Amino acid sequence: MDSQKVIVVGAGISGLAAVYYVKKRRPQARVVLLEASGRIGGKVKTVRRDGFLIECGPEGYMARKPTLTALIKELGLGDQLVRSNTGTYYIYVNHRLRRMPAGSVMGIPTKMLPMVTTGLISPMGKLRAGLDLLIPRVYRGRDISLAEFFGRRLGPELVTNMIEPLLSGIYNGNLSDMSLEATLPQFASIEKKHRSLILGMKHIQPPKQAGAPKKAEGRFLSLSCGLDVLPERLASFADDVIMNTPVSHAEPGKAVLSDGTVMEADAVIVATSPKQLGPLLDFPEAWSLTNDKRSTTATVAMGFKKDAVQSLDGTGYVVSRKEGLNITACSWMDRKWSHAAPKDCALVRTYVGTADNAAIVEESDTEIEEKALADLRRVGKLGTPLFSVITRQIDNMPQYTVNHIQRVQAFEQALENRAGVYACGAMFHGVGLPDCVDNAMNVAERVGAYLEEKEKAVNE
């Protein structure tokens, strides 16, 4: 029989990983990658300028998630893996930078003395947080928002001053919308087992080892050559990469291009942004995910001479929303990643735009840079930048709102009725690079099994 054909729609990290794993599982299959834009990589974008290496999208990934590390090594990039440096992390609250209390995890205290002495929370806020030791369980097996869960356990002040800034830096969402089950199920499990988050978090912290203290390891990995090398390497496994080719509809046996061209295939993998799921697949459960909340953000990366940037022991800070700034967080990239800037220079990356304030992202580069600089200078000393690189993510950052898992399950059950059509991406089972790769690998395994069954049926 003719070789089987698989179409992958979307050349972000999910689609590219799907290409790789399908070819690994079924080398004889012909894999065609269709991308609506003129570049591959999706949110992964690296700019090289004057000795700086600027990650405009993800800067790295959680080292504890193994699939992506294994993939990088399989691709021959293992010697480029680098671990982030460690350092103090700060929160800007009550008009000054304050150190994260020692022993706090996601803003939840595991040590009493640092929490008692921190200026992040008022005395009344500390007393309210301490009620976590006494109050009954909040999560009762029904999904609730992070704001409700943490607010009822630890009180509004600790949520506003510590937990919300930290989580917003990861998910860029509004805690009153975000799903506990989909974003932080481990805290529901801790509460179920220990009732108190403080006691539970303290219980799961590793005990101190006797003897000399072990130097803390950075929790993130990246590529010293630039993360964009990863999508380039993955794309090389496709038999055809067709750019600037939007797809209007995907259904069993074919993908229909926006110009009406029909491309037949044995299997189609949809790996697009959430807003395209509904139009491409056109069934209610797909539209439900497309109609869910998304956020719009921008990153502002600026290069400086090192003496133009305030010297602090740390890798960056997050900003409490009650401060009224446009920026939500700031990373001192050269301190976090040794390869990010020349030795005599600093690279600062800040973030603007939230689920509640997307308008700033629509402004011009000059206006965004001016507002970001003004806010950064309110926080600490900062001179004149050598350059800036602004990257917008418009309406494509998925928000895992309450009951997200149930909507994804309904979508995946509905998709099973469309033989040979599959979907993967940040909308489903995690927004980080490793989560996307895990999802793509699982989908590719199912595609491979489907192709084997199809081939067997033809040969019988």
Protein backbone atom coordinates (compact mmCIF):
# COMPACT_ATOMS: atom_id res chain seq x y z
CA MET A 1 0.00 0.00 0.00
CA ASP A 2 1.01 3.66 -0.35
CA SER A 3 2.76 5.16 2.67
CA GLN A 4 0.35 6.55 5.23
CA LYS A 5 0.06 10.32 5.54
CA VAL A 6 -0.30 12.41 8.68
CA ILE A 7 -1.07 16.14 8.62
CA VAL A 8 -0.05 18.23 11.63
CA VAL A 9 -1.73 21.64 11.82
CA GLY A 10 0.36 24.18 13.72
CA ALA A 11 4.14 24.56 14.09
CA GLY A 12 4.33 25.52 17.74
CA ILE A 13 6.16 23.28 20.18
CA SER A 14 3.15 20.93 20.43
CA GLY A 15 2.83 20.38 16.69
CA LEU A 16 6.57 20.04 16.23
CA ALA A 17 6.88 17.50 19.03
CA ALA A 18 3.94 15.60 17.50
CA VAL A 19 5.82 15.47 14.17
CA TYR A 20 8.90 14.04 15.90
CA TYR A 21 7.07 11.40 17.92
CA VAL A 22 4.87 10.27 15.00
CA LYS A 23 8.00 9.78 12.87
CA LYS A 24 9.69 7.97 15.74
CA ARG A 25 6.68 5.66 16.17
CA ARG A 26 5.92 5.25 12.43
CA PRO A 27 9.05 6.11 10.39
CA GLN A 28 7.38 4.97 7.17
CA ALA A 29 4.52 7.48 7.52
CA ARG A 30 4.65 10.71 5.53
CA VAL A 31 4.24 13.65 7.92
CA VAL A 32 3.22 17.05 6.53
CA LEU A 33 3.40 20.13 8.78
CA LEU A 34 1.10 23.07 7.94
CA GLU A 35 1.70 26.47 9.55
CA ALA A 36 -0.50 29.54 9.06
CA SER A 37 2.28 32.06 9.77
CA GLY A 38 5.69 32.58 8.25
CA ARG A 39 7.71 31.11 11.14
CA ILE A 40 7.92 27.95 13.21
CA GLY A 41 8.18 27.76 16.97
CA GLY A 42 4.95 29.37 18.16
CA LYS A 43 5.65 31.15 21.44
CA VAL A 44 9.30 30.01 21.37
CA LYS A 45 11.31 32.86 19.89
CA THR A 46 14.97 33.75 20.41
CA VAL A 47 16.67 36.99 19.36
CA ARG A 48 20.46 37.30 19.18
CA ARG A 49 21.78 40.85 19.36
CA ASP A 50 25.19 42.34 20.21
CA GLY A 51 26.22 39.32 22.26
CA PHE A 52 22.86 39.08 24.06
CA LEU A 53 20.69 35.97 23.80
CA ILE A 54 17.09 37.10 24.35
CA GLU A 55 14.29 34.60 24.90
CA CYS A 56 11.13 36.43 23.89
CA GLY A 57 8.78 33.63 24.92
CA PRO A 58 9.55 30.79 27.34
CA GLU A 59 13.03 31.20 28.83
CA GLY A 60 13.32 27.62 30.05
CA TYR A 61 11.36 24.84 31.69
CA MET A 62 10.99 22.98 34.99
CA ALA A 63 13.91 20.60 35.37
CA ARG A 64 11.85 18.07 37.34
CA LYS A 65 9.73 17.25 34.27
CA PRO A 66 11.78 14.63 32.39
CA THR A 67 10.18 14.19 28.95
CA LEU A 68 11.52 17.41 27.41
CA THR A 69 15.03 16.79 28.75
CA ALA A 70 14.96 13.31 27.23
CA LEU A 71 13.78 14.77 23.91
CA ILE A 72 16.55 17.39 23.90
CA LYS A 73 19.14 14.67 24.47
CA GLU A 74 17.63 12.50 21.71
CA LEU A 75 17.98 15.46 19.34
CA GLY A 76 21.71 15.76 20.12
CA LEU A 77 21.34 18.99 22.10
CA GLY A 78 22.16 17.57 25.52
CA ASP A 79 25.52 19.36 25.64
CA GLN A 80 23.65 22.69 25.32
CA LEU A 81 21.51 22.15 28.42
CA VAL A 82 22.16 24.72 31.16
CA ARG A 83 20.64 25.08 34.61
CA SER A 84 19.39 28.37 35.98
CA ASN A 85 21.33 30.17 38.70
CA THR A 86 19.72 30.56 42.09
CA GLY A 87 19.26 33.69 44.15
CA THR A 88 16.84 35.63 46.28
CA TYR A 89 13.43 36.29 44.81
CA TYR A 90 11.50 39.40 45.75
CA ILE A 91 7.96 40.75 45.81
CA TYR A 92 7.31 44.44 45.23
CA VAL A 93 4.60 45.35 47.72
CA ASN A 94 3.86 48.41 49.88
CA HIS A 95 6.18 50.45 47.63
CA ARG A 96 9.36 48.45 48.13
CA LEU A 97 11.10 45.22 47.22
CA ARG A 98 10.79 42.62 49.95
CA ARG A 99 12.50 39.26 50.13
CA MET A 100 10.38 36.18 49.84
CA PRO A 101 10.31 34.69 53.35
CA ALA A 102 12.60 31.69 53.73
CA GLY A 103 10.72 28.43 53.60
CA SER A 104 7.71 29.77 51.70
CA VAL A 105 6.51 27.67 48.77
CA MET A 106 4.22 29.45 46.29
CA GLY A 107 3.72 32.01 49.06
CA ILE A 108 2.64 29.39 51.60
CA PRO A 109 4.77 29.48 54.77
CA THR A 110 6.51 26.36 56.06
CA LYS A 111 8.65 28.15 58.65
CA MET A 112 7.17 30.37 61.34
CA LEU A 113 10.02 32.80 62.17
CA PRO A 114 10.56 34.17 58.61
CA MET A 115 6.80 34.58 58.27
CA VAL A 116 6.48 36.39 61.59
CA THR A 117 9.29 38.84 60.75
CA THR A 118 8.45 39.55 57.09
CA GLY A 119 7.21 42.99 56.09
CA LEU A 120 5.11 41.47 53.32
CA ILE A 121 2.11 40.92 55.57
CA SER A 122 0.64 43.04 58.36
CA PRO A 123 0.30 41.59 61.89
CA MET A 124 -3.43 41.06 61.31
CA GLY A 125 -2.69 39.36 57.98
CA LYS A 126 -0.26 37.01 59.72
CA LEU A 127 -2.83 36.12 62.37
CA ARG A 128 -5.41 35.44 59.65
CA ALA A 129 -2.98 33.22 57.74
CA GLY A 130 -2.34 31.30 60.96
CA LEU A 131 -6.01 30.30 61.10
CA ASP A 132 -5.12 27.79 58.36
CA LEU A 133 -3.92 25.62 61.24
CA LEU A 134 -7.47 25.46 62.60
CA ILE A 135 -10.10 25.79 59.87
CA PRO A 136 -11.74 22.76 58.20
CA ARG A 137 -11.11 21.65 54.63
CA VAL A 138 -12.17 24.04 51.88
CA TYR A 139 -11.93 21.73 48.85
CA ARG A 140 -14.71 19.13 48.89
CA GLY A 141 -14.23 17.34 45.55
CA ARG A 142 -15.84 20.10 43.47
CA ASP A 143 -13.59 22.44 41.48
CA ILE A 144 -13.25 25.95 42.90
CA SER A 145 -11.14 28.99 42.04
CA LEU A 146 -7.67 29.58 43.43
CA ALA A 147 -8.93 32.83 44.98
CA GLU A 148 -11.62 30.98 46.93
CA PHE A 149 -9.31 28.17 48.01
CA PHE A 150 -6.33 30.21 49.17
CA GLY A 151 -8.45 33.12 50.39
CA ARG A 152 -10.53 30.92 52.70
CA ARG A 153 -7.47 29.05 53.95
CA LEU A 154 -4.93 31.85 54.37
CA GLY A 155 -6.83 35.12 54.14
CA PRO A 156 -7.03 37.88 51.52
CA GLU A 157 -3.87 39.77 52.49
CA LEU A 158 -1.49 36.85 52.05
CA VAL A 159 -3.22 36.04 48.74
CA THR A 160 -2.91 39.63 47.47
CA ASN A 161 0.65 40.25 48.66
CA MET A 162 2.29 36.86 48.03
CA ILE A 163 0.29 34.12 46.33
CA GLU A 164 -1.38 36.14 43.57
CA PRO A 165 1.81 37.87 42.33
CA LEU A 166 3.65 34.54 42.21
CA LEU A 167 0.88 32.64 40.43
CA SER A 168 0.12 35.49 38.04
CA GLY A 169 3.76 35.30 36.95
CA ILE A 170 3.19 31.69 35.95
CA TYR A 171 -0.35 31.67 34.58
CA ASN A 172 -1.03 35.38 33.98
CA GLY A 173 -4.60 34.85 35.02
CA ASN A 174 -7.08 36.19 37.52
CA LEU A 175 -7.16 33.96 40.61
CA SER A 176 -10.93 34.36 40.89
CA ASP A 177 -11.26 32.56 37.52
CA MET A 178 -8.47 30.00 37.72
CA SER A 179 -9.20 26.34 38.42
CA LEU A 180 -7.68 24.69 41.49
CA GLU A 181 -8.01 21.21 39.96
CA ALA A 182 -6.38 22.18 36.65
CA THR A 183 -3.57 24.46 37.86
CA LEU A 184 -2.56 23.40 41.39
CA PRO A 185 -4.19 20.04 42.20
CA GLN A 186 -1.29 19.21 44.52
CA PHE A 187 -2.59 21.75 47.04
CA ALA A 188 -6.03 20.12 47.03
CA SER A 189 -4.25 16.81 47.74
CA ILE A 190 -2.19 18.34 50.55
CA GLU A 191 -5.31 19.78 52.15
CA LYS A 192 -7.12 16.45 51.82
CA LYS A 193 -4.28 14.61 53.57
CA HIS A 194 -3.19 17.18 56.19
CA ARG A 195 -6.19 19.58 56.35
CA SER A 196 -3.82 22.52 56.99
CA LEU A 197 -1.75 23.79 54.06
CA ILE A 198 0.95 25.12 56.41
CA LEU A 199 1.30 21.78 58.20
CA GLY A 200 1.06 19.85 54.94
CA MET A 201 3.71 21.93 53.18
CA LYS A 202 5.98 21.67 56.20
CA HIS A 203 5.53 17.91 56.21
CA ILE A 204 6.52 17.44 52.57
CA GLN A 205 9.64 19.63 52.71
CA PRO A 206 12.79 17.44 52.55
CA PRO A 207 14.62 17.20 55.90
CA LYS A 208 17.93 19.01 56.29
CA GLN A 209 20.93 16.81 55.67
CA ALA A 210 23.64 16.57 58.31
CA GLY A 211 27.01 18.10 57.53
CA ALA A 212 27.82 20.85 55.06
CA PRO A 213 24.79 22.52 53.47
CA LYS A 214 24.27 21.48 49.87
CA LYS A 215 24.31 24.33 47.37
CA ALA A 216 20.82 24.94 46.05
CA GLU A 217 20.29 23.95 42.42
CA GLY A 218 18.35 26.05 39.95
CA ARG A 219 14.92 24.61 39.21
CA PHE A 220 14.92 25.45 35.51
CA LEU A 221 16.75 24.23 32.40
CA SER A 222 17.31 25.97 29.07
CA LEU A 223 19.56 25.77 26.01
CA SER A 224 22.69 27.91 25.89
CA CYS A 225 22.40 27.99 22.08
CA GLY A 226 18.89 29.47 22.32
CA LEU A 227 15.56 27.68 22.71
CA ASP A 228 14.66 28.33 19.06
CA VAL A 229 17.15 25.62 18.08
CA LEU A 230 14.70 23.08 19.53
CA PRO A 231 11.80 23.83 17.12
CA GLU A 232 14.24 24.05 14.20
CA ARG A 233 15.61 20.59 15.00
CA LEU A 234 12.11 19.13 15.44
CA ALA A 235 10.86 20.61 12.16
CA SER A 236 13.61 18.75 10.29
CA PHE A 237 11.77 15.48 10.97
CA ALA A 238 8.74 16.50 8.89
CA ASP A 239 8.65 15.25 5.31
CA ASP A 240 7.11 18.57 4.22
CA VAL A 241 6.88 21.90 6.04
CA ILE A 242 4.41 24.23 4.34
CA MET A 243 4.36 27.77 5.70
CA ASN A 244 1.83 30.60 5.29
CA THR A 245 -0.89 27.99 4.82
CA PRO A 246 -3.92 28.47 7.09
CA VAL A 247 -6.30 25.56 7.57
CA SER A 248 -10.02 26.30 7.79
CA HIS A 249 -11.35 22.87 8.77
CA ALA A 250 -10.09 19.47 9.94
CA GLU A 251 -12.16 16.31 9.75
CA PRO A 252 -11.64 12.56 9.35
CA GLY A 253 -9.45 11.89 6.33
CA LYS A 254 -8.65 15.47 5.36
CA ALA A 255 -7.65 19.04 6.14
CA VAL A 256 -9.33 21.85 4.19
CA LEU A 257 -7.12 24.87 3.54
CA SER A 258 -8.48 28.41 3.70
CA ASP A 259 -8.28 28.67 -0.10
CA GLY A 260 -10.54 25.61 -0.42
CA THR A 261 -7.81 23.11 -1.26
CA VAL A 262 -8.47 19.67 0.26
CA MET A 263 -5.47 17.71 1.55
CA GLU A 264 -6.24 14.07 2.25
CA ALA A 265 -4.57 12.22 5.11
CA ASP A 266 -4.90 9.06 7.19
CA ALA A 267 -4.69 11.12 10.39
CA VAL A 268 -4.86 14.82 11.24
CA ILE A 269 -3.36 16.35 14.42
CA VAL A 270 -4.66 19.79 15.36
CA ALA A 271 -1.99 21.64 17.38
CA THR A 272 -3.16 25.22 17.03
CA SER A 273 -3.94 28.03 19.47
CA PRO A 274 -7.16 27.67 21.53
CA LYS A 275 -9.03 30.29 19.51
CA GLN A 276 -8.74 28.10 16.39
CA LEU A 277 -10.11 24.88 17.90
CA GLY A 278 -13.76 25.81 17.39
CA PRO A 279 -13.45 26.98 13.77
CA LEU A 280 -11.24 24.02 12.81
CA LEU A 281 -13.24 21.24 14.43
CA ASP A 282 -16.69 22.87 14.65
CA PHE A 283 -18.38 20.85 17.38
CA PRO A 284 -19.78 22.27 20.64
CA GLU A 285 -17.05 20.98 22.96
CA ALA A 286 -14.36 22.52 20.75
CA TRP A 287 -16.20 25.85 20.71
CA SER A 288 -16.48 25.65 24.51
CA LEU A 289 -12.69 25.64 24.80
CA THR A 290 -12.30 28.34 22.15
CA ASN A 291 -14.76 30.55 24.04
CA ASP A 292 -12.92 30.17 27.34
CA LYS A 293 -10.86 33.05 28.70
CA ARG A 294 -7.47 33.87 27.22
CA SER A 295 -5.06 36.65 28.13
CA THR A 296 -2.94 39.06 26.15
CA THR A 297 0.57 39.89 27.33
CA ALA A 298 3.85 41.41 26.20
CA THR A 299 7.44 40.94 27.26
CA VAL A 300 9.88 43.84 27.22
CA ALA A 301 13.52 42.78 27.15
CA MET A 302 16.13 45.53 27.59
CA GLY A 303 19.89 45.43 27.43
CA PHE A 304 21.98 47.66 29.73
CA LYS A 305 25.54 48.22 30.73
CA LYS A 306 25.93 46.39 34.03
CA ASP A 307 26.64 49.53 36.07
CA ALA A 308 23.30 51.01 34.91
CA VAL A 309 21.30 48.37 36.81
CA GLN A 310 20.86 48.19 40.58
CA SER A 311 22.88 45.32 41.98
CA LEU A 312 20.81 42.99 44.14
CA ASP A 313 21.37 39.38 45.12
CA GLY A 314 18.57 37.75 43.21
CA THR A 315 17.02 36.69 39.94
CA GLY A 316 14.00 38.98 39.87
CA TYR A 317 10.71 39.97 41.45
CA VAL A 318 6.95 39.89 41.03
CA VAL A 319 4.63 42.84 41.61
CA SER A 320 1.50 42.92 43.75
CA ARG A 321 -1.42 44.20 41.68
CA LYS A 322 -2.43 46.60 44.45
CA GLU A 323 0.70 48.66 43.61
CA GLY A 324 -1.03 49.82 40.43
CA LEU A 325 1.96 49.29 38.11
CA ASN A 326 1.80 48.26 34.47
CA ILE A 327 4.51 45.63 34.97
CA THR A 328 3.64 42.34 36.64
CA ALA A 329 7.13 40.86 37.08
CA CYS A 330 10.77 41.42 36.25
CA SER A 331 13.57 38.92 35.64
CA TRP A 332 17.26 39.82 35.83
CA MET A 333 18.05 37.44 33.02
CA ASP A 334 21.84 37.70 33.11
CA ARG A 335 21.81 36.69 36.78
CA LYS A 336 19.42 33.83 36.17
CA TRP A 337 21.14 32.60 33.00
CA SER A 338 24.89 33.13 32.64
CA HIS A 339 24.72 32.91 28.83
CA ALA A 340 22.10 35.65 28.41
CA ALA A 341 24.35 38.72 28.18
CA PRO A 342 27.99 39.79 27.71
CA LYS A 343 29.98 39.92 30.97
CA ASP A 344 29.84 43.71 31.25
CA CYS A 345 26.12 43.91 30.46
CA ALA A 346 22.77 43.15 32.04
CA LEU A 347 19.57 41.88 30.46
CA VAL A 348 16.29 42.82 32.12
CA ARG A 349 13.01 41.26 31.03
CA THR A 350 9.72 42.59 32.30
CA TYR A 351 6.12 41.68 31.61
CA VAL A 352 3.08 43.87 30.96
CA GLY A 353 -0.56 43.07 30.40
CA THR A 354 -2.91 41.01 32.53
CA ALA A 355 -6.29 39.35 32.15
CA ASP A 356 -7.75 42.63 33.47
CA ASN A 357 -5.43 45.05 31.63
CA ALA A 358 -4.73 43.96 28.07
CA ALA A 359 -5.00 47.47 26.58
CA ILE A 360 -1.34 48.34 27.18
CA VAL A 361 -0.25 45.51 24.85
CA GLU A 362 -2.05 47.26 21.98
CA GLU A 363 0.05 50.41 22.42
CA SER A 364 3.15 51.19 20.33
CA ASP A 365 6.58 49.78 21.16
CA THR A 366 7.71 53.24 22.27
CA GLU A 367 4.77 53.68 24.65
CA ILE A 368 5.18 50.20 26.12
CA GLU A 369 8.91 50.73 26.66
CA GLU A 370 8.35 54.12 28.32
CA LYS A 371 5.71 52.75 30.70
CA ALA A 372 7.77 49.67 31.53
CA LEU A 373 10.88 51.78 32.22
CA ALA A 374 8.94 54.21 34.42
CA ASP A 375 7.64 51.32 36.53
CA LEU A 376 11.02 49.61 36.73
CA ARG A 377 12.58 52.86 37.93
CA ARG A 378 9.97 53.13 40.68
CA VAL A 379 11.20 49.76 41.93
CA GLY A 380 14.98 50.27 41.62
CA LYS A 381 17.85 52.08 39.94
CA LEU A 382 17.90 51.73 36.17
CA GLY A 383 19.78 53.72 33.54
CA THR A 384 19.21 54.11 29.81
CA PRO A 385 18.75 50.88 27.86
CA LEU A 386 21.05 50.00 24.98
CA PHE A 387 18.05 48.55 23.13
CA SER A 388 14.68 46.94 23.76
CA VAL A 389 12.89 43.96 22.20
CA ILE A 390 9.11 43.84 22.65
CA THR A 391 7.13 40.68 21.97
CA ARG A 392 3.33 40.49 22.09
CA GLN A 393 1.19 37.44 22.69
CA ILE A 394 -2.27 38.52 21.54
CA ASP A 395 -5.29 36.59 22.82
CA ASN A 396 -3.52 33.24 22.87
CA MET A 397 -2.49 32.58 26.48
CA PRO A 398 -4.97 29.93 27.68
CA GLN A 399 -6.59 30.42 31.07
CA TYR A 400 -7.54 27.28 32.95
CA THR A 401 -10.81 28.54 34.44
CA VAL A 402 -12.95 26.63 36.95
CA ASN A 403 -14.07 23.22 35.59
CA HIS A 404 -11.37 23.29 32.90
CA ILE A 405 -10.61 19.58 33.35
CA GLN A 406 -14.27 18.67 32.82
CA ARG A 407 -14.43 20.74 29.61
CA VAL A 408 -11.24 19.09 28.29
CA GLN A 409 -12.59 15.63 29.09
CA ALA A 410 -15.84 16.43 27.25
CA PHE A 411 -13.82 17.69 24.28
CA GLU A 412 -11.63 14.60 24.14
CA GLN A 413 -14.64 12.28 24.38
CA ALA A 414 -16.34 14.14 21.52
CA LEU A 415 -13.15 14.00 19.45
CA GLU A 416 -13.06 10.20 19.75
CA ASN A 417 -16.10 10.14 17.47
CA ARG A 418 -13.98 11.65 14.69
CA ALA A 419 -11.74 8.76 13.69
CA GLY A 420 -8.21 9.81 12.82
CA VAL A 421 -8.51 13.37 14.17
CA TYR A 422 -6.46 14.30 17.23
CA ALA A 423 -5.56 17.44 19.16
CA CYS A 424 -2.74 18.56 21.42
CA GLY A 425 -1.48 21.86 22.78
CA ALA A 426 -1.23 24.20 25.76
CA MET A 427 -5.03 24.37 26.04
CA PHE A 428 -5.36 20.86 27.39
CA HIS A 429 -3.01 19.43 30.02
CA GLY A 430 -0.52 22.16 30.97
CA VAL A 431 0.88 25.38 29.54
CA GLY A 432 4.62 24.74 30.05
CA LEU A 433 6.96 23.39 27.39
CA PRO A 434 7.29 19.95 29.08
CA ASP A 435 3.51 19.67 29.42
CA CYS A 436 3.06 20.40 25.71
CA VAL A 437 5.71 17.83 24.80
CA ASP A 438 4.13 15.21 27.08
CA ASN A 439 0.72 15.84 25.51
CA ALA A 440 2.16 15.63 21.97
CA MET A 441 3.98 12.39 22.77
CA ASN A 442 0.80 10.78 24.10
CA VAL A 443 -1.20 11.89 21.06
CA ALA A 444 1.52 10.61 18.70
CA GLU A 445 1.38 7.23 20.41
CA ARG A 446 -2.37 7.07 19.79
CA VAL A 447 -1.88 8.14 16.17
CA GLY A 448 0.72 5.41 15.71
CA ALA A 449 -1.63 2.76 17.12
CA TYR A 450 -4.46 4.03 14.90
CA LEU A 451 -2.25 3.85 11.78
CA GLU A 452 -1.17 0.32 12.67
CA GLU A 453 -4.79 -0.80 13.01
CA LYS A 454 -5.68 0.88 9.74
CA GLU A 455 -2.76 -0.79 7.96
CA LYS A 456 -3.70 -4.17 9.44
CA ALA A 457 -7.30 -3.81 8.24
CA VAL A 458 -6.12 -3.05 4.68
CA ASN A 459 -3.77 -6.05 4.63
CA GLU A 460 -6.34 -8.54 5.92
